[in-house]
Amino acid sequence: MPAATPIPIPSRIQTIREHHEAGGKVAAVYPIHYPRALFRAFGVLPVEVWGPPSADRNPAGAHLQVYVCSIVHCGLGFLLSGGLDIADLIVVPHACDSLQGLGSLLLDFQPPKQPVQPFYVPRGEGTAATDFLVEELRALYAFLAEHTGAAPSDAEVMACIEREERAGAAVVSLFAERRALPLDNRAFYRVVRSREFLPAERFLDLCEATLASRTEPDNRAVPVVLSGIVPEPMEVLDALSEAGAMVVADDLACCGRRMYPAGSSTDPFRRMAERLLGSPPDCTRGTTVRARLDHLRRLVEESGARAVVFYEPKFCEPEQFYLPLQRDALEADGIHTITIEVDIGDPLGMQAVTRIEALLETVV
């Protein structure tokens, strides 16, 4: 397994400060689907909030049930303890009931100092879903215009869309070249996940530098697909590397399920809607179990993976509804699987590490 190669990546806080110093605003955006390009057209840098795992969750305990997932617990605790004070705006997409509840809480019961905007991505496809999402995008445009004083033209929005499409294509290229990149799993995901906060132009530069480091493909590691919501705690990536596995394909909500295709419409709002609704099958968007299964099978076949690791936050209802059928069908296909449930704020337990090692022993 290749050792981690240091790649200089600025931190979230450094990136935020630099953007503020240049006169821009910052939006803290909760998971999962949202239009990066629209924020950038207003000079707003979207920075994603996937917890963070290190957040103090105690302040959130007075407002959330214990069975709400740790991503939302950490995310609310981080906000209430001042962790998002550096943000100018807060956006909460409706990815699941827990996140919708968080949005309602921030709008009606525990409003922060920043303006809050919900964002609803439809469950389903077709003309009606596209039309609905176009109106949501226009509502988000109005929110950003109100709080920035800007009014970007269609041409300016389209330029940002095209830049984000190039950045999205770069993520696809990273996974296509995964075996030839001299990075262990954690180092690789540090690059991929910098998309959560880096401006598209800086992310593209990082991808170019990463792809320039290609070497001969490493065929010694056991190739696996990583599925779930977010690779936190990130010790799972170290455990996979140490056990001799390489993540060669991604079905995580924070990564693979946001490999949006390029749109085709000449209307910027419809083009953004096309991209978001063209995402790979995602349980948080209500896609069918069959579509999810077919997608996982394609990932396994095209990447040559020999196992699927489901890495899930506890109490994630959208994932739990799909998991039993997905696991059974994949195992029936002869594809080995393992499911690891975690609290993103806790260290990865040794039992999980042992189970990863046992899985890989069965596929060697």
Protein backbone atom coordinates (compact mmCIF):
# COMPACT_ATOMS: atom_id res chain seq x y z
CA MET A 1 0.00 0.00 0.00
CA PRO A 2 1.50 3.41 -0.93
CA ALA A 3 2.45 5.72 1.89
CA ALA A 4 0.75 9.06 2.32
CA THR A 5 2.27 11.76 0.17
CA PRO A 6 2.03 15.22 1.73
CA ILE A 7 -0.06 17.48 -0.46
CA PRO A 8 -0.38 21.08 0.72
CA ILE A 9 -4.07 21.70 1.31
CA PRO A 10 -5.20 24.81 3.19
CA SER A 11 -7.48 24.28 6.16
CA ARG A 12 -11.12 25.27 6.23
CA ILE A 13 -10.45 28.14 8.62
CA GLN A 14 -7.55 29.42 6.50
CA THR A 15 -9.69 29.29 3.36
CA ILE A 16 -12.54 31.11 5.10
CA ARG A 17 -10.26 33.86 6.41
CA GLU A 18 -8.69 34.39 3.01
CA HIS A 19 -12.13 34.67 1.42
CA HIS A 20 -13.27 37.17 4.03
CA GLU A 21 -10.09 39.21 3.60
CA ALA A 22 -10.83 39.39 -0.13
CA GLY A 23 -14.23 40.89 0.65
CA GLY A 24 -16.41 37.81 0.18
CA LYS A 25 -19.01 36.24 2.42
CA VAL A 26 -19.14 32.66 3.68
CA ALA A 27 -22.13 30.34 3.92
CA ALA A 28 -22.11 27.38 6.29
CA VAL A 29 -23.96 24.65 4.40
CA TYR A 30 -25.24 21.47 6.02
CA PRO A 31 -25.47 18.18 4.00
CA ILE A 32 -26.06 17.11 1.28
CA HIS A 33 -27.16 18.53 -2.09
CA TYR A 34 -26.95 22.23 -2.94
CA PRO A 35 -25.82 24.46 -5.87
CA ARG A 36 -22.22 25.54 -5.27
CA ALA A 37 -22.24 27.63 -8.44
CA LEU A 38 -25.09 29.85 -7.29
CA PHE A 39 -23.25 30.80 -4.10
CA ARG A 40 -20.07 31.59 -6.00
CA ALA A 41 -21.98 33.82 -8.43
CA PHE A 42 -22.76 36.04 -5.42
CA GLY A 43 -19.18 36.00 -4.14
CA VAL A 44 -20.21 33.64 -1.34
CA LEU A 45 -17.97 30.69 -0.48
CA PRO A 46 -20.00 27.63 0.61
CA VAL A 47 -18.26 25.69 3.38
CA GLU A 48 -19.85 22.38 4.31
CA VAL A 49 -20.68 21.32 7.87
CA TRP A 50 -20.43 17.54 8.30
CA GLY A 51 -20.46 17.72 12.08
CA PRO A 52 -17.60 18.34 12.63
CA PRO A 53 -16.67 15.20 14.60
CA SER A 54 -14.69 17.22 17.16
CA ALA A 55 -17.68 19.41 18.08
CA ASP A 56 -19.06 19.56 21.62
CA ARG A 57 -22.49 17.98 21.29
CA ASN A 58 -23.69 18.84 24.78
CA PRO A 59 -25.37 22.13 23.78
CA ALA A 60 -27.46 20.23 21.23
CA GLY A 61 -28.78 17.74 23.77
CA ALA A 62 -31.42 20.15 25.04
CA HIS A 63 -32.93 20.44 21.55
CA LEU A 64 -32.53 17.04 19.87
CA GLN A 65 -33.68 13.53 20.69
CA VAL A 66 -30.92 11.05 21.50
CA TYR A 67 -31.75 9.01 18.40
CA VAL A 68 -31.03 11.88 16.01
CA CYS A 69 -27.85 11.10 14.08
CA SER A 70 -24.50 12.35 15.31
CA ILE A 71 -23.95 14.50 12.21
CA VAL A 72 -26.89 16.70 13.24
CA HIS A 73 -25.98 16.55 16.95
CA CYS A 74 -22.43 17.66 16.22
CA GLY A 75 -23.59 20.22 13.68
CA LEU A 76 -26.02 21.90 16.09
CA GLY A 77 -23.60 21.67 19.00
CA PHE A 78 -20.92 23.30 16.88
CA LEU A 79 -23.25 26.17 15.98
CA LEU A 80 -24.52 26.72 19.53
CA SER A 81 -20.99 26.73 20.93
CA GLY A 82 -19.91 29.45 18.50
CA GLY A 83 -18.16 27.29 15.93
CA LEU A 84 -20.09 28.86 13.05
CA ASP A 85 -19.73 32.46 14.20
CA ILE A 86 -17.29 33.00 11.36
CA ALA A 87 -20.02 32.27 8.79
CA ASP A 88 -22.23 35.03 7.36
CA LEU A 89 -25.10 32.81 6.24
CA ILE A 90 -26.45 29.35 7.09
CA VAL A 91 -28.17 27.03 4.61
CA VAL A 92 -29.86 23.76 5.60
CA PRO A 93 -30.78 21.42 2.73
CA HIS A 94 -33.57 18.95 3.41
CA ALA A 95 -31.59 15.74 3.06
CA CYS A 96 -33.50 13.79 5.72
CA ASP A 97 -35.98 14.26 8.55
CA SER A 98 -33.19 15.03 11.03
CA LEU A 99 -31.80 17.83 8.86
CA GLN A 100 -35.27 19.17 8.15
CA GLY A 101 -35.81 19.23 11.90
CA LEU A 102 -32.55 21.12 12.30
CA GLY A 103 -33.71 23.66 9.74
CA SER A 104 -37.02 24.16 11.53
CA LEU A 105 -35.22 24.50 14.86
CA LEU A 106 -32.92 27.22 13.51
CA LEU A 107 -35.76 29.06 11.80
CA ASP A 108 -38.38 28.94 14.56
CA PHE A 109 -36.98 27.97 17.97
CA GLN A 110 -33.25 28.61 18.22
CA PRO A 111 -32.38 31.20 15.58
CA PRO A 112 -28.66 31.96 15.26
CA LYS A 113 -27.29 35.42 14.60
CA GLN A 114 -26.94 34.63 10.87
CA PRO A 115 -29.80 34.46 8.36
CA VAL A 116 -30.94 30.87 7.75
CA GLN A 117 -32.31 29.47 4.50
CA PRO A 118 -33.70 25.95 3.96
CA PHE A 119 -33.21 24.29 0.59
CA TYR A 120 -35.53 21.51 -0.59
CA VAL A 121 -34.32 18.98 -3.15
CA PRO A 122 -37.27 16.94 -4.49
CA ARG A 123 -37.60 13.20 -4.06
CA GLY A 124 -38.11 11.94 -7.55
CA GLU A 125 -37.33 12.84 -11.14
CA GLY A 126 -39.06 14.16 -14.23
CA THR A 127 -40.43 17.49 -15.32
CA ALA A 128 -42.33 18.20 -12.10
CA ALA A 129 -39.24 17.60 -9.97
CA THR A 130 -37.12 19.81 -12.23
CA ASP A 131 -39.70 22.61 -12.19
CA PHE A 132 -39.91 22.42 -8.39
CA LEU A 133 -36.14 22.57 -8.01
CA VAL A 134 -35.87 25.52 -10.40
CA GLU A 135 -38.21 27.45 -8.10
CA GLU A 136 -36.14 26.43 -5.06
CA LEU A 137 -33.03 27.70 -6.81
CA ARG A 138 -34.75 31.00 -7.59
CA ALA A 139 -35.75 31.30 -3.92
CA LEU A 140 -32.13 30.72 -2.92
CA TYR A 141 -31.06 33.36 -5.47
CA ALA A 142 -33.45 35.83 -3.80
CA PHE A 143 -32.07 34.97 -0.34
CA LEU A 144 -28.48 35.49 -1.48
CA ALA A 145 -29.39 38.73 -3.26
CA GLU A 146 -31.07 40.06 -0.12
CA HIS A 147 -28.07 39.38 2.08
CA THR A 148 -25.26 40.31 -0.30
CA GLY A 149 -26.76 43.18 -2.28
CA ALA A 150 -25.57 41.53 -5.50
CA ALA A 151 -27.61 40.51 -8.54
CA PRO A 152 -25.49 38.33 -10.85
CA SER A 153 -26.66 37.99 -14.44
CA ASP A 154 -27.57 34.70 -16.08
CA ALA A 155 -24.22 34.82 -17.89
CA GLU A 156 -22.32 35.25 -14.62
CA VAL A 157 -24.21 32.36 -13.02
CA MET A 158 -23.57 30.19 -16.07
CA ALA A 159 -19.83 30.90 -15.93
CA CYS A 160 -19.80 29.67 -12.33
CA ILE A 161 -21.80 26.59 -13.30
CA GLU A 162 -19.31 25.67 -16.01
CA ARG A 163 -16.41 26.08 -13.59
CA GLU A 164 -18.13 23.83 -11.03
CA GLU A 165 -18.78 21.27 -13.75
CA ARG A 166 -15.04 21.17 -14.47
CA ALA A 167 -14.34 20.70 -10.77
CA GLY A 168 -16.87 17.88 -10.64
CA ALA A 169 -15.22 16.20 -13.61
CA ALA A 170 -11.89 16.43 -11.77
CA VAL A 171 -13.30 14.31 -8.91
CA VAL A 172 -14.29 11.67 -11.45
CA SER A 173 -10.74 11.76 -12.83
CA LEU A 174 -9.26 11.27 -9.36
CA PHE A 175 -11.20 8.05 -8.88
CA ALA A 176 -10.48 6.89 -12.44
CA GLU A 177 -6.75 7.19 -11.67
CA ARG A 178 -7.00 6.01 -8.06
CA ARG A 179 -4.71 2.98 -8.33
CA ALA A 180 -1.95 5.07 -9.93
CA LEU A 181 -1.97 7.78 -7.25
CA PRO A 182 0.75 7.26 -4.60
CA LEU A 183 -1.58 8.14 -1.73
CA ASP A 184 -2.97 6.06 1.09
CA ASN A 185 -6.70 6.22 1.70
CA ARG A 186 -6.64 9.11 4.16
CA ALA A 187 -4.34 11.23 2.00
CA PHE A 188 -6.52 10.56 -1.05
CA TYR A 189 -9.68 11.57 0.78
CA ARG A 190 -8.03 14.71 2.09
CA VAL A 191 -7.78 15.76 -1.54
CA VAL A 192 -11.28 14.66 -2.52
CA ARG A 193 -12.96 16.16 0.54
CA SER A 194 -11.25 19.52 0.13
CA ARG A 195 -14.05 20.05 -2.40
CA GLU A 196 -16.21 20.69 0.69
CA PHE A 197 -14.59 24.08 1.26
CA LEU A 198 -12.11 25.03 -1.45
CA PRO A 199 -13.21 27.34 -4.28
CA ALA A 200 -13.54 25.38 -7.51
CA GLU A 201 -10.53 27.06 -9.12
CA ARG A 202 -8.24 26.13 -6.22
CA PHE A 203 -9.66 22.62 -6.11
CA LEU A 204 -8.91 22.22 -9.81
CA ASP A 205 -5.29 23.24 -9.22
CA LEU A 206 -5.06 20.69 -6.40
CA CYS A 207 -6.50 17.94 -8.60
CA GLU A 208 -4.08 18.80 -11.39
CA ALA A 209 -1.13 18.54 -8.99
CA THR A 210 -2.45 15.28 -7.59
CA LEU A 211 -2.97 13.70 -11.00
CA ALA A 212 0.54 14.81 -12.01
CA SER A 213 1.91 12.53 -9.28
CA ARG A 214 0.67 9.36 -11.05
CA THR A 215 2.94 6.34 -10.96
CA GLU A 216 2.55 2.72 -12.02
CA PRO A 217 -0.84 1.39 -10.83
CA ASP A 218 -0.73 -0.40 -7.48
CA ASN A 219 -2.37 -3.80 -7.92
CA ARG A 220 -1.25 -5.22 -4.59
CA ALA A 221 -3.94 -3.65 -2.42
CA VAL A 222 -7.40 -5.20 -2.14
CA PRO A 223 -9.80 -2.88 -4.02
CA VAL A 224 -12.99 -1.95 -2.14
CA VAL A 225 -16.01 0.30 -2.58
CA LEU A 226 -16.78 2.64 0.33
CA SER A 227 -20.47 3.42 0.80
CA GLY A 228 -22.39 5.45 3.37
CA ILE A 229 -22.68 9.11 4.30
CA VAL A 230 -19.30 10.52 5.33
CA PRO A 231 -15.94 8.86 6.25
CA GLU A 232 -15.94 10.10 9.84
CA PRO A 233 -14.22 9.20 12.03
CA MET A 234 -11.53 9.08 9.36
CA GLU A 235 -9.67 6.34 11.22
CA VAL A 236 -11.63 3.94 9.02
CA LEU A 237 -9.42 5.04 6.13
CA ASP A 238 -6.29 4.28 8.15
CA ALA A 239 -7.73 0.89 9.14
CA LEU A 240 -8.40 0.02 5.52
CA SER A 241 -4.89 1.06 4.47
CA GLU A 242 -3.24 -0.87 7.29
CA ALA A 243 -5.28 -3.97 6.41
CA GLY A 244 -4.08 -3.74 2.80
CA ALA A 245 -7.17 -2.26 1.15
CA MET A 246 -7.53 0.62 -1.29
CA VAL A 247 -10.78 2.51 -1.80
CA VAL A 248 -11.13 2.49 -5.60
CA ALA A 249 -14.78 3.58 -5.89
CA ASP A 250 -16.98 5.79 -3.77
CA ASP A 251 -20.68 5.70 -2.88
CA LEU A 252 -20.53 8.19 -0.02
CA ALA A 253 -23.10 10.98 0.22
CA CYS A 254 -20.27 13.50 0.68
CA CYS A 255 -18.36 12.31 -2.39
CA GLY A 256 -19.58 9.74 -4.93
CA ARG A 257 -23.26 10.57 -4.74
CA ARG A 258 -22.39 14.14 -5.69
CA MET A 259 -20.55 13.33 -8.89
CA TYR A 260 -23.11 15.35 -10.81
CA PRO A 261 -23.19 15.19 -14.60
CA ALA A 262 -22.87 18.36 -16.63
CA GLY A 263 -26.18 19.99 -17.50
CA SER A 264 -27.34 20.87 -20.99
CA SER A 265 -29.88 23.68 -20.59
CA THR A 266 -28.97 27.23 -21.57
CA ASP A 267 -31.05 28.52 -18.66
CA PRO A 268 -28.75 28.59 -15.59
CA PHE A 269 -31.45 27.66 -13.08
CA ARG A 270 -32.65 24.72 -15.12
CA ARG A 271 -29.06 23.64 -15.73
CA MET A 272 -28.33 23.63 -11.99
CA ALA A 273 -31.52 21.62 -11.43
CA GLU A 274 -30.50 19.12 -14.11
CA ARG A 275 -27.15 18.62 -12.44
CA LEU A 276 -28.53 18.07 -8.94
CA LEU A 277 -31.28 15.73 -10.12
CA GLY A 278 -28.79 13.83 -12.27
CA SER A 279 -26.82 12.72 -9.20
CA PRO A 280 -26.06 9.01 -8.77
CA PRO A 281 -28.84 7.07 -6.99
CA ASP A 282 -29.15 8.33 -3.44
CA CYS A 283 -31.46 7.12 -0.69
CA THR A 284 -31.82 10.68 0.64
CA ARG A 285 -33.42 11.59 -2.70
CA GLY A 286 -35.84 8.68 -2.59
CA THR A 287 -34.38 6.62 -5.43
CA THR A 288 -35.46 3.00 -5.61
CA VAL A 289 -33.62 0.12 -4.00
CA ARG A 290 -33.20 -1.35 -7.49
CA ALA A 291 -31.48 1.81 -8.72
CA ARG A 292 -29.19 1.83 -5.70
CA LEU A 293 -28.32 -1.82 -6.22
CA ASP A 294 -27.64 -1.42 -9.92
CA HIS A 295 -25.38 1.54 -9.13
CA LEU A 296 -23.39 -0.40 -6.54
CA ARG A 297 -23.03 -3.33 -8.90
CA ARG A 298 -21.70 -1.00 -11.61
CA LEU A 299 -19.19 0.51 -9.20
CA VAL A 300 -17.96 -2.97 -8.24
CA GLU A 301 -17.73 -4.16 -11.84
CA GLU A 302 -16.10 -1.05 -13.30
CA SER A 303 -13.58 -0.61 -10.47
CA GLY A 304 -12.75 -4.28 -9.99
CA ALA A 305 -13.61 -3.99 -6.29
CA ARG A 306 -13.79 -7.19 -4.28
CA ALA A 307 -15.86 -5.95 -1.36
CA VAL A 308 -18.21 -3.17 -0.31
CA VAL A 309 -17.75 -1.45 3.05
CA PHE A 310 -20.91 0.24 4.33
CA TYR A 311 -19.80 2.90 6.80
CA GLU A 312 -22.85 4.43 8.43
CA PRO A 313 -23.64 6.91 11.19
CA LYS A 314 -25.95 5.40 13.80
CA PHE A 315 -29.65 6.22 13.47
CA CYS A 316 -29.34 7.21 9.79
CA GLU A 317 -32.87 6.27 8.73
CA PRO A 318 -32.48 6.79 4.96
CA GLU A 319 -29.51 4.42 4.88
CA GLN A 320 -31.08 1.87 7.23
CA PHE A 321 -34.16 1.49 5.04
CA TYR A 322 -31.97 0.38 2.12
CA LEU A 323 -29.14 -1.51 3.78
CA PRO A 324 -30.68 -4.98 4.41
CA LEU A 325 -31.86 -5.43 0.83
CA GLN A 326 -28.61 -4.04 -0.59
CA ARG A 327 -26.43 -6.31 1.53
CA ASP A 328 -28.47 -9.43 0.81
CA ALA A 329 -28.48 -8.82 -2.93
CA LEU A 330 -24.75 -8.10 -3.10
CA GLU A 331 -23.89 -11.16 -1.02
CA ALA A 332 -26.11 -13.23 -3.32
CA ASP A 333 -23.99 -11.90 -6.21
CA GLY A 334 -20.88 -13.16 -4.43
CA ILE A 335 -19.77 -9.66 -3.40
CA HIS A 336 -18.50 -9.55 0.18
CA THR A 337 -19.86 -6.75 2.37
CA ILE A 338 -19.48 -5.39 5.86
CA THR A 339 -21.53 -2.78 7.72
CA ILE A 340 -19.91 -0.60 10.36
CA GLU A 341 -22.09 1.78 12.37
CA VAL A 342 -20.35 4.68 14.08
CA ASP A 343 -20.93 7.83 16.03
CA ILE A 344 -18.89 10.39 14.10
CA GLY A 345 -17.73 12.02 17.33
CA ASP A 346 -16.24 8.81 18.77
CA PRO A 347 -12.97 7.10 17.86
CA LEU A 348 -13.22 4.04 15.64
CA GLY A 349 -13.46 1.02 17.93
CA MET A 350 -11.07 -1.91 17.75
CA GLN A 351 -14.01 -4.21 17.04
CA ALA A 352 -14.58 -2.34 13.77
CA VAL A 353 -10.89 -2.61 12.89
CA THR A 354 -10.98 -6.36 13.54
CA ARG A 355 -14.05 -6.76 11.36
CA ILE A 356 -12.34 -4.89 8.51
CA GLU A 357 -9.32 -7.17 8.81
CA ALA A 358 -11.57 -10.25 8.82
CA LEU A 359 -13.43 -9.05 5.74
CA LEU A 360 -10.23 -8.54 3.78
CA GLU A 361 -8.94 -11.97 4.78
CA THR A 362 -12.00 -13.51 3.14
CA VAL A 363 -11.41 -11.81 -0.22
CA VAL A 364 -7.63 -12.22 -0.54
